[in-house]
């Protein structure tokens, strides 16, 4: 398993892959702090264990200073071949 940190800003998506959940979480939170200081507005944040689905959810959505939508989130990934 690996963790995918996905950043979507104005419809453009960027993904980075991590071995460790905490490292990915720290990167997301660090970037979010920078974006908020630049004027990004948070609309919604999910930070919880989804016991019904059996995985942790971390997602932040909102708007940039230019009015574009943005989303930062972590998801689990697996190699399958």
N, C-alpha and C. Protein backbone atom coordinates (compact mmCIF):
# COMPACT_ATOMS: atom_id res chain seq x y z
N UNK A 1 0.84 -1.18 0.00
CA UNK A 1 0.00 0.00 0.00
C UNK A 1 0.88 1.24 0.00
N UNK A 2 0.39 2.30 -0.62
CA UNK A 2 1.03 3.60 -0.59
C UNK A 2 -0.04 4.66 -0.47
N UNK A 3 0.37 5.87 -0.15
CA UNK A 3 -0.56 6.97 0.04
C UNK A 3 -0.40 7.95 -1.11
N UNK A 4 -1.50 8.36 -1.69
CA UNK A 4 -1.50 9.33 -2.79
C UNK A 4 -1.99 10.67 -2.24
N UNK A 5 -1.15 11.68 -2.33
CA UNK A 5 -1.55 13.04 -1.97
C UNK A 5 -1.91 13.74 -3.26
N UNK A 6 -3.18 14.06 -3.43
CA UNK A 6 -3.64 14.71 -4.65
C UNK A 6 -4.02 16.15 -4.34
N UNK A 7 -3.57 17.04 -5.22
CA UNK A 7 -3.86 18.47 -5.11
C UNK A 7 -4.52 18.86 -6.43
N UNK A 8 -5.75 19.37 -6.35
CA UNK A 8 -6.48 19.86 -7.53
C UNK A 8 -6.73 21.34 -7.34
N UNK A 9 -6.26 22.14 -8.29
CA UNK A 9 -6.47 23.57 -8.24
C UNK A 9 -6.95 24.03 -9.61
N UNK A 10 -8.16 24.58 -9.64
CA UNK A 10 -8.71 25.07 -10.90
C UNK A 10 -8.81 23.99 -11.97
N UNK A 11 -9.08 22.76 -11.56
CA UNK A 11 -9.23 21.67 -12.52
C UNK A 11 -7.93 20.98 -12.90
N UNK A 12 -6.81 21.49 -12.43
CA UNK A 12 -5.50 20.87 -12.71
C UNK A 12 -5.12 19.99 -11.53
N UNK A 13 -4.80 18.74 -11.79
CA UNK A 13 -4.49 17.81 -10.70
C UNK A 13 -3.02 17.43 -10.70
N UNK A 14 -2.47 17.32 -9.50
CA UNK A 14 -1.09 16.91 -9.28
C UNK A 14 -1.12 15.83 -8.20
N UNK A 15 -0.37 14.75 -8.40
CA UNK A 15 -0.35 13.66 -7.41
C UNK A 15 1.08 13.35 -7.01
N UNK A 16 1.25 13.09 -5.72
CA UNK A 16 2.53 12.64 -5.18
C UNK A 16 2.27 11.39 -4.36
N UNK A 17 3.24 10.51 -4.35
CA UNK A 17 3.08 9.21 -3.71
C UNK A 17 4.03 9.08 -2.52
N UNK A 18 3.50 8.56 -1.41
CA UNK A 18 4.25 8.42 -0.17
C UNK A 18 4.14 7.00 0.35
N UNK A 19 5.17 6.56 1.04
CA UNK A 19 5.13 5.26 1.72
C UNK A 19 4.43 5.38 3.06
N UNK A 20 4.50 6.56 3.68
CA UNK A 20 4.04 6.75 5.04
C UNK A 20 2.89 7.76 5.10
N UNK A 21 1.79 7.37 5.76
CA UNK A 21 0.61 8.23 5.88
C UNK A 21 0.95 9.55 6.57
N UNK A 22 1.71 9.49 7.66
CA UNK A 22 2.03 10.70 8.42
C UNK A 22 2.85 11.69 7.60
N UNK A 23 3.78 11.21 6.79
CA UNK A 23 4.55 12.11 5.93
C UNK A 23 3.65 12.81 4.92
N UNK A 24 2.72 12.07 4.34
CA UNK A 24 1.78 12.67 3.38
C UNK A 24 0.89 13.69 4.09
N UNK A 25 0.42 13.34 5.28
CA UNK A 25 -0.43 14.25 6.05
C UNK A 25 0.31 15.54 6.40
N UNK A 26 1.56 15.42 6.84
CA UNK A 26 2.35 16.61 7.18
C UNK A 26 2.54 17.51 5.97
N UNK A 27 2.77 16.92 4.80
CA UNK A 27 2.94 17.71 3.58
C UNK A 27 1.64 18.44 3.22
N UNK A 28 0.52 17.74 3.30
CA UNK A 28 -0.78 18.37 3.01
C UNK A 28 -1.02 19.53 3.97
N UNK A 29 -0.82 19.31 5.25
CA UNK A 29 -1.07 20.37 6.24
C UNK A 29 -0.12 21.55 6.07
N UNK A 30 1.13 21.27 5.70
CA UNK A 30 2.11 22.34 5.48
C UNK A 30 1.71 23.19 4.27
N UNK A 31 1.32 22.54 3.19
CA UNK A 31 0.89 23.29 2.00
C UNK A 31 -0.40 24.04 2.27
N UNK A 32 -1.32 23.44 3.00
CA UNK A 32 -2.58 24.11 3.32
C UNK A 32 -2.32 25.39 4.11
N UNK A 33 -1.40 25.33 5.04
CA UNK A 33 -1.05 26.51 5.83
C UNK A 33 -0.54 27.64 4.93
N UNK A 34 0.29 27.29 3.96
CA UNK A 34 0.81 28.28 3.01
C UNK A 34 -0.33 28.86 2.18
N UNK A 35 -1.21 27.99 1.68
CA UNK A 35 -2.32 28.46 0.84
C UNK A 35 -3.26 29.38 1.62
N UNK A 36 -3.55 29.05 2.86
CA UNK A 36 -4.43 29.90 3.67
C UNK A 36 -3.77 31.26 3.90
N UNK A 37 -2.45 31.28 4.11
CA UNK A 37 -1.76 32.56 4.30
C UNK A 37 -1.77 33.40 3.02
N UNK A 38 -1.94 32.73 1.86
CA UNK A 38 -2.03 33.44 0.58
C UNK A 38 -3.44 33.94 0.29
N UNK A 39 -4.43 33.53 1.12
CA UNK A 39 -5.80 33.99 0.93
C UNK A 39 -6.77 32.93 0.48
N UNK A 40 -6.35 31.68 0.35
CA UNK A 40 -7.29 30.61 0.01
C UNK A 40 -8.32 30.49 1.14
N UNK A 41 -9.56 30.21 0.78
CA UNK A 41 -10.64 30.05 1.75
C UNK A 41 -11.06 28.58 1.82
N UNK A 42 -11.08 28.02 3.03
CA UNK A 42 -11.51 26.64 3.22
C UNK A 42 -13.03 26.60 3.33
N UNK A 43 -13.65 25.75 2.53
CA UNK A 43 -15.10 25.57 2.59
C UNK A 43 -15.48 24.36 3.43
N UNK A 44 -14.69 23.28 3.30
CA UNK A 44 -15.05 22.03 3.95
C UNK A 44 -13.79 21.23 4.26
N UNK A 45 -13.79 20.57 5.42
CA UNK A 45 -12.66 19.73 5.79
C UNK A 45 -13.18 18.44 6.42
N UNK A 46 -12.68 17.32 5.95
CA UNK A 46 -12.98 16.00 6.52
C UNK A 46 -11.67 15.45 7.07
N UNK A 47 -11.69 15.05 8.33
CA UNK A 47 -10.50 14.49 8.97
C UNK A 47 -11.00 13.45 9.97
N UNK A 48 -11.24 12.21 9.48
CA UNK A 48 -11.85 11.19 10.34
C UNK A 48 -11.61 9.79 9.81
N UNK A 49 -11.81 8.83 10.69
CA UNK A 49 -11.79 7.44 10.30
C UNK A 49 -13.19 7.07 9.83
N UNK A 50 -13.31 6.59 8.63
CA UNK A 50 -14.59 6.14 8.11
C UNK A 50 -14.70 4.65 8.44
N UNK A 51 -15.29 4.36 9.58
CA UNK A 51 -15.36 2.97 10.04
C UNK A 51 -16.24 2.10 9.15
N UNK A 52 -17.24 2.69 8.52
CA UNK A 52 -18.11 1.94 7.62
C UNK A 52 -17.38 1.44 6.39
N UNK A 53 -16.43 2.22 5.90
CA UNK A 53 -15.68 1.84 4.70
C UNK A 53 -14.30 1.29 5.03
N UNK A 54 -13.86 1.49 6.29
CA UNK A 54 -12.61 0.90 6.73
C UNK A 54 -11.34 1.65 6.32
N UNK A 55 -11.44 2.97 6.13
CA UNK A 55 -10.24 3.75 5.83
C UNK A 55 -10.36 5.16 6.39
N UNK A 56 -9.21 5.81 6.53
CA UNK A 56 -9.15 7.17 7.07
C UNK A 56 -9.37 8.16 5.93
N UNK A 57 -10.13 9.21 6.20
CA UNK A 57 -10.41 10.24 5.21
C UNK A 57 -9.76 11.56 5.64
N UNK A 58 -9.03 12.17 4.75
CA UNK A 58 -8.49 13.51 4.96
C UNK A 58 -8.66 14.28 3.66
N UNK A 59 -9.51 15.28 3.68
CA UNK A 59 -9.80 16.07 2.48
C UNK A 59 -10.14 17.50 2.89
N UNK A 60 -9.60 18.46 2.12
CA UNK A 60 -9.88 19.87 2.34
C UNK A 60 -10.29 20.45 0.99
N UNK A 61 -11.42 21.17 0.96
CA UNK A 61 -11.87 21.83 -0.27
C UNK A 61 -12.12 23.30 0.01
N UNK A 62 -12.06 24.10 -1.05
CA UNK A 62 -12.31 25.53 -0.90
C UNK A 62 -12.10 26.28 -2.18
N UNK A 63 -11.78 27.57 -2.06
CA UNK A 63 -11.54 28.42 -3.22
C UNK A 63 -10.22 29.16 -3.06
N UNK A 64 -9.58 29.41 -4.20
CA UNK A 64 -8.33 30.16 -4.21
C UNK A 64 -8.64 31.66 -4.14
N UNK A 65 -7.59 32.47 -4.05
CA UNK A 65 -7.79 33.93 -4.04
C UNK A 65 -8.39 34.42 -5.36
N UNK A 66 -8.21 33.63 -6.44
CA UNK A 66 -8.76 34.00 -7.75
C UNK A 66 -10.15 33.42 -7.99
N UNK A 67 -10.71 32.74 -6.99
CA UNK A 67 -12.05 32.18 -7.11
C UNK A 67 -12.12 30.79 -7.71
N UNK A 68 -10.97 30.17 -7.96
CA UNK A 68 -10.98 28.80 -8.48
C UNK A 68 -11.21 27.82 -7.33
N UNK A 69 -11.81 26.69 -7.64
CA UNK A 69 -11.98 25.64 -6.64
C UNK A 69 -10.65 24.92 -6.43
N UNK A 70 -10.44 24.45 -5.19
CA UNK A 70 -9.28 23.62 -4.92
C UNK A 70 -9.67 22.49 -3.99
N UNK A 71 -8.90 21.40 -4.06
CA UNK A 71 -9.09 20.25 -3.17
C UNK A 71 -7.72 19.64 -2.89
N UNK A 72 -7.49 19.29 -1.65
CA UNK A 72 -6.30 18.58 -1.22
C UNK A 72 -6.80 17.33 -0.50
N UNK A 73 -6.30 16.16 -0.89
CA UNK A 73 -6.78 14.96 -0.20
C UNK A 73 -5.78 13.82 -0.29
N UNK A 74 -5.92 12.90 0.67
CA UNK A 74 -5.09 11.71 0.72
C UNK A 74 -5.97 10.49 0.43
N UNK A 75 -5.41 9.55 -0.29
CA UNK A 75 -6.10 8.28 -0.55
C UNK A 75 -5.09 7.16 -0.57
N UNK A 76 -5.57 5.95 -0.33
CA UNK A 76 -4.71 4.79 -0.35
C UNK A 76 -4.63 4.24 -1.77
N UNK A 77 -3.47 3.69 -2.11
CA UNK A 77 -3.29 3.06 -3.42
C UNK A 77 -2.57 1.73 -3.28
N UNK A 78 -2.77 0.88 -4.26
CA UNK A 78 -2.16 -0.44 -4.26
C UNK A 78 -1.70 -0.77 -5.67
N UNK A 79 -0.58 -1.46 -5.77
CA UNK A 79 -0.16 -1.97 -7.07
C UNK A 79 -0.97 -3.23 -7.36
N UNK A 80 -1.39 -3.37 -8.60
CA UNK A 80 -2.17 -4.53 -8.96
C UNK A 80 -1.76 -5.03 -10.33
N UNK A 81 -0.81 -5.93 -10.34
CA UNK A 81 -0.38 -6.54 -11.59
C UNK A 81 0.27 -7.88 -11.36
